[in-house]
Amino acid sequence: MSAKEIVRENISDFASRLEAMTIDEVFDAMSLLEKYSEDDVSEREETLPRISLVEEEIERRFPGQKLAPYRDWKQAQPLLW
């Protein structure tokens, strides 16, 4: 799924779908949304709440670790940068 599709999706549907995603899918969604928020300023109001949802999901899965698991995953993905 692309960031544009995530942004267009109903936010409550995205939140429900997020719970069922694998951790790699969650991290991928976060990466897509971060890049999209930097590239498409006009949709930032729609993108930021979804980024917050993904952050909450990561913190729920990795209590007390904040976003460290995501940052570690991101560093291990050489094609993202």
PDB file of N, CA and C in Angstrom:
ATOM      1  N   MET A   1       0.854  -1.171   0.000  1.00  0.00           N
ATOM      2  CA  MET A   1       0.000   0.000   0.000  1.00  0.00           C
ATOM      3  C   MET A   1       0.901   1.235   0.000  1.00  0.00           C
ATOM      4  N   SER A   2       0.482   2.235  -0.712  1.00  0.00           N
ATOM      5  CA  SER A   2       1.264   3.462  -0.779  1.00  0.00           C
ATOM      6  C   SER A   2       0.824   4.429   0.318  1.00  0.00           C
ATOM      7  N   ALA A   3       1.648   5.416   0.571  1.00  0.00           N
ATOM      8  CA  ALA A   3       1.320   6.436   1.570  1.00  0.00           C
ATOM      9  C   ALA A   3       0.067   7.192   1.150  1.00  0.00           C
ATOM     10  N   LYS A   4      -0.064   7.460  -0.120  1.00  0.00           N
ATOM     11  CA  LYS A   4      -1.243   8.188  -0.611  1.00  0.00           C
ATOM     12  C   LYS A   4      -2.519   7.403  -0.316  1.00  0.00           C
ATOM     13  N   GLU A   5      -2.463   6.083  -0.488  1.00  0.00           N
ATOM     14  CA  GLU A   5      -3.628   5.244  -0.184  1.00  0.00           C
ATOM     15  C   GLU A   5      -3.927   5.255   1.312  1.00  0.00           C
ATOM     16  N   ILE A   6      -2.894   5.243   2.134  1.00  0.00           N
ATOM     17  CA  ILE A   6      -3.084   5.297   3.590  1.00  0.00           C
ATOM     18  C   ILE A   6      -3.734   6.617   3.983  1.00  0.00           C
ATOM     19  N   VAL A   7      -3.273   7.708   3.406  1.00  0.00           N
ATOM     20  CA  VAL A   7      -3.796   9.033   3.732  1.00  0.00           C
ATOM     21  C   VAL A   7      -5.249   9.166   3.286  1.00  0.00           C
ATOM     22  N   ARG A   8      -5.603   8.549   2.191  1.00  0.00           N
ATOM     23  CA  ARG A   8      -6.972   8.624   1.676  1.00  0.00           C
ATOM     24  C   ARG A   8      -7.938   7.702   2.445  1.00  0.00           C
ATOM     25  N   GLU A   9      -7.378   6.674   3.081  1.00  0.00           N
ATOM     26  CA  GLU A   9      -8.199   5.708   3.812  1.00  0.00           C
ATOM     27  C   GLU A   9      -8.816   6.358   5.055  1.00  0.00           C
ATOM     28  N   ASN A  10     -10.025   5.963   5.388  1.00  0.00           N
ATOM     29  CA  ASN A  10     -10.667   6.427   6.610  1.00  0.00           C
ATOM     30  C   ASN A  10      -9.745   6.128   7.789  1.00  0.00           C
ATOM     31  N   ILE A  11      -9.558   7.097   8.664  1.00  0.00           N
ATOM     32  CA  ILE A  11      -8.579   6.941   9.742  1.00  0.00           C
ATOM     33  C   ILE A  11      -8.945   5.813  10.707  1.00  0.00           C
ATOM     34  N   SER A  12     -10.226   5.604  10.967  1.00  0.00           N
ATOM     35  CA  SER A  12     -10.604   4.510  11.865  1.00  0.00           C
ATOM     36  C   SER A  12     -10.374   3.153  11.193  1.00  0.00           C
ATOM     37  N   ASP A  13     -10.573   3.082   9.872  1.00  0.00           N
ATOM     38  CA  ASP A  13     -10.263   1.847   9.146  1.00  0.00           C
ATOM     39  C   ASP A  13      -8.764   1.568   9.184  1.00  0.00           C
ATOM     40  N   PHE A  14      -7.971   2.619   9.021  1.00  0.00           N
ATOM     41  CA  PHE A  14      -6.518   2.453   9.073  1.00  0.00           C
ATOM     42  C   PHE A  14      -6.089   1.981  10.463  1.00  0.00           C
ATOM     43  N   ALA A  15      -6.658   2.562  11.506  1.00  0.00           N
ATOM     44  CA  ALA A  15      -6.313   2.165  12.880  1.00  0.00           C
ATOM     45  C   ALA A  15      -6.636   0.690  13.116  1.00  0.00           C
ATOM     46  N   SER A  16      -7.772   0.235  12.635  1.00  0.00           N
ATOM     47  CA  SER A  16      -8.152  -1.181  12.784  1.00  0.00           C
ATOM     48  C   SER A  16      -7.203  -2.088  12.004  1.00  0.00           C
ATOM     49  N   ARG A  17      -6.876  -1.679  10.807  1.00  0.00           N
ATOM     50  CA  ARG A  17      -5.976  -2.472   9.973  1.00  0.00           C
ATOM     51  C   ARG A  17      -4.571  -2.524  10.556  1.00  0.00           C
ATOM     52  N   LEU A  18      -4.169  -1.428  11.169  1.00  0.00           N
ATOM     53  CA  LEU A  18      -2.833  -1.321  11.764  1.00  0.00           C
ATOM     54  C   LEU A  18      -2.624  -2.377  12.842  1.00  0.00           C
ATOM     55  N   GLU A  19      -3.645  -2.636  13.623  1.00  0.00           N
ATOM     56  CA  GLU A  19      -3.546  -3.629  14.694  1.00  0.00           C
ATOM     57  C   GLU A  19      -3.258  -5.030  14.163  1.00  0.00           C
ATOM     58  N   ALA A  20      -3.723  -5.316  12.952  1.00  0.00           N
ATOM     59  CA  ALA A  20      -3.553  -6.647  12.377  1.00  0.00           C
ATOM     60  C   ALA A  20      -2.268  -6.799  11.565  1.00  0.00           C
ATOM     61  N   MET A  21      -1.546  -5.711  11.351  1.00  0.00           N
ATOM     62  CA  MET A  21      -0.330  -5.753  10.533  1.00  0.00           C
ATOM     63  C   MET A  21       0.813  -6.450  11.266  1.00  0.00           C
ATOM     64  N   THR A  22       1.702  -7.036  10.482  1.00  0.00           N
ATOM     65  CA  THR A  22       2.940  -7.552  11.057  1.00  0.00           C
ATOM     66  C   THR A  22       3.808  -6.354  11.442  1.00  0.00           C
ATOM     67  N   ILE A  23       4.833  -6.577  12.221  1.00  0.00           N
ATOM     68  CA  ILE A  23       5.696  -5.471  12.635  1.00  0.00           C
ATOM     69  C   ILE A  23       6.409  -4.862  11.428  1.00  0.00           C
ATOM     70  N   ASP A  24       6.796  -5.682  10.469  1.00  0.00           N
ATOM     71  CA  ASP A  24       7.428  -5.133   9.257  1.00  0.00           C
ATOM     72  C   ASP A  24       6.452  -4.246   8.482  1.00  0.00           C
ATOM     73  N   GLU A  25       5.196  -4.638   8.433  1.00  0.00           N
ATOM     74  CA  GLU A  25       4.187  -3.814   7.759  1.00  0.00           C
ATOM     75  C   GLU A  25       3.969  -2.497   8.499  1.00  0.00           C
ATOM     76  N   VAL A  26       3.985  -2.553   9.823  1.00  0.00           N
ATOM     77  CA  VAL A  26       3.843  -1.335  10.628  1.00  0.00           C
ATOM     78  C   VAL A  26       5.020  -0.403  10.369  1.00  0.00           C
ATOM     79  N   PHE A  27       6.222  -0.949  10.409  1.00  0.00           N
ATOM     80  CA  PHE A  27       7.414  -0.134  10.168  1.00  0.00           C
ATOM     81  C   PHE A  27       7.412   0.432   8.747  1.00  0.00           C
ATOM     82  N   ASP A  28       6.993  -0.366   7.791  1.00  0.00           N
ATOM     83  CA  ASP A  28       6.930   0.098   6.404  1.00  0.00           C
ATOM     84  C   ASP A  28       5.913   1.240   6.272  1.00  0.00           C
ATOM     85  N   ALA A  29       4.771   1.103   6.924  1.00  0.00           N
ATOM     86  CA  ALA A  29       3.759   2.169   6.890  1.00  0.00           C
ATOM     87  C   ALA A  29       4.329   3.454   7.481  1.00  0.00           C
ATOM     88  N   MET A  30       5.062   3.339   8.576  1.00  0.00           N
ATOM     89  CA  MET A  30       5.662   4.518   9.205  1.00  0.00           C
ATOM     90  C   MET A  30       6.661   5.173   8.256  1.00  0.00           C
ATOM     91  N   SER A  31       7.479   4.369   7.630  1.00  0.00           N
ATOM     92  CA  SER A  31       8.470   4.894   6.695  1.00  0.00           C
ATOM     93  C   SER A  31       7.795   5.619   5.524  1.00  0.00           C
ATOM     94  N   LEU A  32       6.777   4.994   4.966  1.00  0.00           N
ATOM     95  CA  LEU A  32       6.046   5.611   3.849  1.00  0.00           C
ATOM     96  C   LEU A  32       5.414   6.939   4.271  1.00  0.00           C
ATOM     97  N   LEU A  33       4.790   6.950   5.440  1.00  0.00           N
ATOM     98  CA  LEU A  33       4.119   8.161   5.904  1.00  0.00           C
ATOM     99  C   LEU A  33       5.118   9.273   6.227  1.00  0.00           C
ATOM    100  N   GLU A  34       6.253   8.919   6.820  1.00  0.00           N
ATOM    101  CA  GLU A  34       7.274   9.937   7.105  1.00  0.00           C
ATOM    102  C   GLU A  34       7.746  10.602   5.814  1.00  0.00           C
ATOM    103  N   LYS A  35       8.077   9.782   4.836  1.00  0.00           N
ATOM    104  CA  LYS A  35       8.554  10.328   3.567  1.00  0.00           C
ATOM    105  C   LYS A  35       7.465  11.166   2.902  1.00  0.00           C
ATOM    106  N   TYR A  36       6.248  10.678   2.927  1.00  0.00           N
ATOM    107  CA  TYR A  36       5.133  11.387   2.309  1.00  0.00           C
ATOM    108  C   TYR A  36       4.905  12.737   2.985  1.00  0.00           C
ATOM    109  N   SER A  37       5.026  12.789   4.310  1.00  0.00           N
ATOM    110  CA  SER A  37       4.814  14.055   5.022  1.00  0.00           C
ATOM    111  C   SER A  37       5.880  15.083   4.663  1.00  0.00           C
ATOM    112  N   GLU A  38       7.068  14.606   4.319  1.00  0.00           N
ATOM    113  CA  GLU A  38       8.143  15.509   3.907  1.00  0.00           C
ATOM    114  C   GLU A  38       7.972  15.951   2.452  1.00  0.00           C
ATOM    115  N   ASP A  39       7.463  15.061   1.617  1.00  0.00           N
ATOM    116  CA  ASP A  39       7.343  15.336   0.183  1.00  0.00           C
ATOM    117  C   ASP A  39       6.080  16.108  -0.187  1.00  0.00           C
ATOM    118  N   ASP A  40       4.978  15.834   0.496  1.00  0.00           N
ATOM    119  CA  ASP A  40       3.697  16.432   0.117  1.00  0.00           C
ATOM    120  C   ASP A  40       3.138  17.250   1.278  1.00  0.00           C
ATOM    121  N   VAL A  41       3.585  18.476   1.378  1.00  0.00           N
ATOM    122  CA  VAL A  41       3.198  19.377   2.471  1.00  0.00           C
ATOM    123  C   VAL A  41       1.695  19.648   2.454  1.00  0.00           C
ATOM    124  N   SER A  42       1.084  19.626   1.294  1.00  0.00           N
ATOM    125  CA  SER A  42      -0.346  19.939   1.189  1.00  0.00           C
ATOM    126  C   SER A  42      -1.228  18.925   1.923  1.00  0.00           C
ATOM    127  N   GLU A  43      -0.727  17.726   2.156  1.00  0.00           N
ATOM    128  CA  GLU A  43      -1.516  16.695   2.825  1.00  0.00           C
ATOM    129  C   GLU A  43      -1.032  16.426   4.250  1.00  0.00           C
ATOM    130  N   ARG A  44      -0.257  17.320   4.792  1.00  0.00           N
ATOM    131  CA  ARG A  44       0.318  17.101   6.113  1.00  0.00           C
ATOM    132  C   ARG A  44      -0.757  16.939   7.195  1.00  0.00           C
ATOM    133  N   GLU A  45      -1.864  17.678   7.088  1.00  0.00           N
ATOM    134  CA  GLU A  45      -2.935  17.572   8.086  1.00  0.00           C
ATOM    135  C   GLU A  45      -3.556  16.177   8.110  1.00  0.00           C
ATOM    136  N   GLU A  46      -3.535  15.487   6.998  1.00  0.00           N
ATOM    137  CA  GLU A  46      -4.058  14.126   6.930  1.00  0.00           C
ATOM    138  C   GLU A  46      -2.995  13.101   7.309  1.00  0.00           C
ATOM    139  N   THR A  47      -1.745  13.439   7.074  1.00  0.00           N
ATOM    140  CA  THR A  47      -0.652  12.495   7.292  1.00  0.00           C
ATOM    141  C   THR A  47      -0.246  12.403   8.759  1.00  0.00           C
ATOM    142  N   LEU A  48      -0.132  13.518   9.441  1.00  0.00           N
ATOM    143  CA  LEU A  48       0.365  13.528  10.817  1.00  0.00           C
ATOM    144  C   LEU A  48      -0.477  12.696  11.789  1.00  0.00           C
ATOM    145  N   PRO A  49      -1.804  12.727  11.726  1.00  0.00           N
ATOM    146  CA  PRO A  49      -2.570  11.865  12.633  1.00  0.00           C
ATOM    147  C   PRO A  49      -2.306  10.373  12.389  1.00  0.00           C
ATOM    148  N   ARG A  50      -2.060  10.012  11.163  1.00  0.00           N
ATOM    149  CA  ARG A  50      -1.770   8.612  10.849  1.00  0.00           C
ATOM    150  C   ARG A  50      -0.378   8.223  11.353  1.00  0.00           C
ATOM    151  N   ILE A  51       0.559   9.141  11.269  1.00  0.00           N
ATOM    152  CA  ILE A  51       1.888   8.890  11.840  1.00  0.00           C
ATOM    153  C   ILE A  51       1.751   8.676  13.348  1.00  0.00           C
ATOM    154  N   SER A  52       0.933   9.478  13.999  1.00  0.00           N
ATOM    155  CA  SER A  52       0.712   9.319  15.442  1.00  0.00           C
ATOM    156  C   SER A  52       0.123   7.952  15.770  1.00  0.00           C
ATOM    157  N   LEU A  53      -0.813   7.496  14.951  1.00  0.00           N
ATOM    158  CA  LEU A  53      -1.385   6.162  15.164  1.00  0.00           C
ATOM    159  C   LEU A  53      -0.325   5.073  15.054  1.00  0.00           C
ATOM    160  N   VAL A  54       0.536   5.200  14.064  1.00  0.00           N
ATOM    161  CA  VAL A  54       1.593   4.200  13.886  1.00  0.00           C
ATOM    162  C   VAL A  54       2.568   4.254  15.063  1.00  0.00           C
ATOM    163  N   GLU A  55       2.920   5.455  15.512  1.00  0.00           N
ATOM    164  CA  GLU A  55       3.793   5.589  16.682  1.00  0.00           C
ATOM    165  C   GLU A  55       3.178   4.902  17.899  1.00  0.00           C
ATOM    166  N   GLU A  56       1.888   5.123  18.116  1.00  0.00           N
ATOM    167  CA  GLU A  56       1.202   4.480  19.244  1.00  0.00           C
ATOM    168  C   GLU A  56       1.222   2.962  19.122  1.00  0.00           C
ATOM    169  N   GLU A  57       1.044   2.457  17.906  1.00  0.00           N
ATOM    170  CA  GLU A  57       1.069   1.008  17.688  1.00  0.00           C
ATOM    171  C   GLU A  57       2.458   0.439  17.963  1.00  0.00           C
ATOM    172  N   ILE A  58       3.493   1.141  17.541  1.00  0.00           N
ATOM    173  CA  ILE A  58       4.863   0.685  17.813  1.00  0.00           C
ATOM    174  C   ILE A  58       5.111   0.684  19.315  1.00  0.00           C
ATOM    175  N   GLU A  59       4.706   1.741  20.000  1.00  0.00           N
ATOM    176  CA  GLU A  59       4.909   1.817  21.445  1.00  0.00           C
ATOM    177  C   GLU A  59       4.088   0.754  22.179  1.00  0.00           C
ATOM    178  N   ARG A  60       2.921   0.402  21.650  1.00  0.00           N
ATOM    179  CA  ARG A  60       2.108  -0.654  22.264  1.00  0.00           C
ATOM    180  C   ARG A  60       2.813  -2.013  22.135  1.00  0.00           C
ATOM    181  N   ARG A  61       3.438  -2.233  20.985  1.00  0.00           N
ATOM    182  CA  ARG A  61       4.115  -3.510  20.753  1.00  0.00           C
ATOM    183  C   ARG A  61       5.474  -3.600  21.433  1.00  0.00           C
ATOM    184  N   PHE A  62       6.096  -2.464  21.664  1.00  0.00           N
ATOM    185  CA  PHE A  62       7.421  -2.411  22.289  1.00  0.00           C
ATOM    186  C   PHE A  62       7.372  -1.449  23.476  1.00  0.00           C
ATOM    187  N   PRO A  63       6.698  -1.835  24.544  1.00  0.00           N
ATOM    188  CA  PRO A  63       6.523  -0.929  25.688  1.00  0.00           C
ATOM    189  C   PRO A  63       7.860  -0.431  26.239  1.00  0.00           C
ATOM    190  N   GLY A  64       7.892   0.861  26.509  1.00  0.00           N
ATOM    191  CA  GLY A  64       9.070   1.472  27.116  1.00  0.00           C
ATOM    192  C   GLY A  64      10.235   1.708  26.178  1.00  0.00           C
ATOM    193  N   GLN A  65      10.105   1.314  24.932  1.00  0.00           N
ATOM    194  CA  GLN A  65      11.221   1.463  23.995  1.00  0.00           C
ATOM    195  C   GLN A  65      11.043   2.643  23.043  1.00  0.00           C
ATOM    196  N   LYS A  66       9.931   3.351  23.196  1.00  0.00           N
ATOM    197  CA  LYS A  66       9.605   4.476  22.308  1.00  0.00           C
ATOM    198  C   LYS A  66       9.693   4.007  20.861  1.00  0.00           C
ATOM    199  N   LEU A  67      10.436   4.683  20.037  1.00  0.00           N
ATOM    200  CA  LEU A  67      10.536   4.295  18.627  1.00  0.00           C
ATOM    201  C   LEU A  67      11.872   3.634  18.289  1.00  0.00           C
ATOM    202  N   ALA A  68      12.622   3.208  19.296  1.00  0.00           N
ATOM    203  CA  ALA A  68      13.933   2.589  19.055  1.00  0.00           C
ATOM    204  C   ALA A  68      13.853   1.391  18.108  1.00  0.00           C
ATOM    205  N   PRO A  69      12.885   0.493  18.264  1.00  0.00           N
ATOM    206  CA  PRO A  69      12.830  -0.634  17.315  1.00  0.00           C
ATOM    207  C   PRO A  69      12.617  -0.175  15.869  1.00  0.00           C
ATOM    208  N   TYR A  70      11.842   0.863  15.687  1.00  0.00           N
ATOM    209  CA  TYR A  70      11.630   1.391  14.334  1.00  0.00           C
ATOM    210  C   TYR A  70      12.916   2.008  13.798  1.00  0.00           C
ATOM    211  N   ARG A  71      13.601   2.789  14.609  1.00  0.00           N
ATOM    212  CA  ARG A  71      14.857   3.403  14.157  1.00  0.00           C
ATOM    213  C   ARG A  71      15.884   2.327  13.799  1.00  0.00           C
ATOM    214  N   ASP A  72      15.949   1.253  14.600  1.00  0.00           N
ATOM    215  CA  ASP A  72      16.861   0.148  14.300  1.00  0.00           C
ATOM    216  C   ASP A  72      16.498  -0.517  12.972  1.00  0.00           C
ATOM    217  N   TRP A  73      15.206  -0.735  12.775  1.00  0.00           N
ATOM    218  CA  TRP A  73      14.726  -1.347  11.528  1.00  0.00           C
ATOM    219  C   TRP A  73      15.088  -0.460  10.346  1.00  0.00           C
ATOM    220  N   LYS A  74      14.871   0.840  10.518  1.00  0.00           N
ATOM    221  CA  LYS A  74      15.138   1.791   9.436  1.00  0.00           C
ATOM    222  C   LYS A  74      16.621   1.792   9.049  1.00  0.00           C
ATOM    223  N   GLN A  75      17.487   1.709  10.032  1.00  0.00           N
ATOM    224  CA  GLN A  75      18.925   1.686   9.738  1.00  0.00           C
ATOM    225  C   GLN A  75      19.327   0.412   9.007  1.00  0.00           C
ATOM    226  N   ALA A  76      18.596  -0.653   9.225  1.00  0.00           N
ATOM    227  CA  ALA A  76      18.909  -1.925   8.578  1.00  0.00           C
ATOM    228  C   ALA A  76      18.333  -2.015   7.162  1.00  0.00           C
ATOM    229  N   GLN A  77      17.633  -0.971   6.711  1.00  0.00           N
ATOM    230  CA  GLN A  77      17.018  -0.945   5.393  1.00  0.00           C
ATOM    231  C   GLN A  77      17.812  -0.013   4.470  1.00  0.00           C
ATOM    232  N   PRO A  78      18.884  -0.497   3.861  1.00  0.00           N
ATOM    233  CA  PRO A  78      19.744   0.396   3.059  1.00  0.00           C
ATOM    234  C   PRO A  78      19.044   1.027   1.861  1.00  0.00           C
ATOM    235  N   LEU A  79      18.010   0.407   1.350  1.00  0.00           N
ATOM    236  CA  LEU A  79      17.340   0.953   0.174  1.00  0.00           C
ATOM    237  C   LEU A  79      16.414   2.105   0.501  1.00  0.00           C
ATOM    238  N   LEU A  80      16.126   2.336   1.778  1.00  0.00           N
ATOM    239  CA  LEU A  80      15.253   3.445   2.155  1.00  0.00           C
ATOM    240  C   LEU A  80      15.949   4.785   2.041  1.00  0.00           C
ATOM    241  N   TRP A  81      17.256   4.786   2.089  1.00  0.00           N
ATOM    242  CA  TRP A  81      17.985   6.057   2.085  1.00  0.00           C
ATOM    243  C   TRP A  81      18.765   6.146   0.853  1.00  0.00           C
TER     244      TRP A  81
END
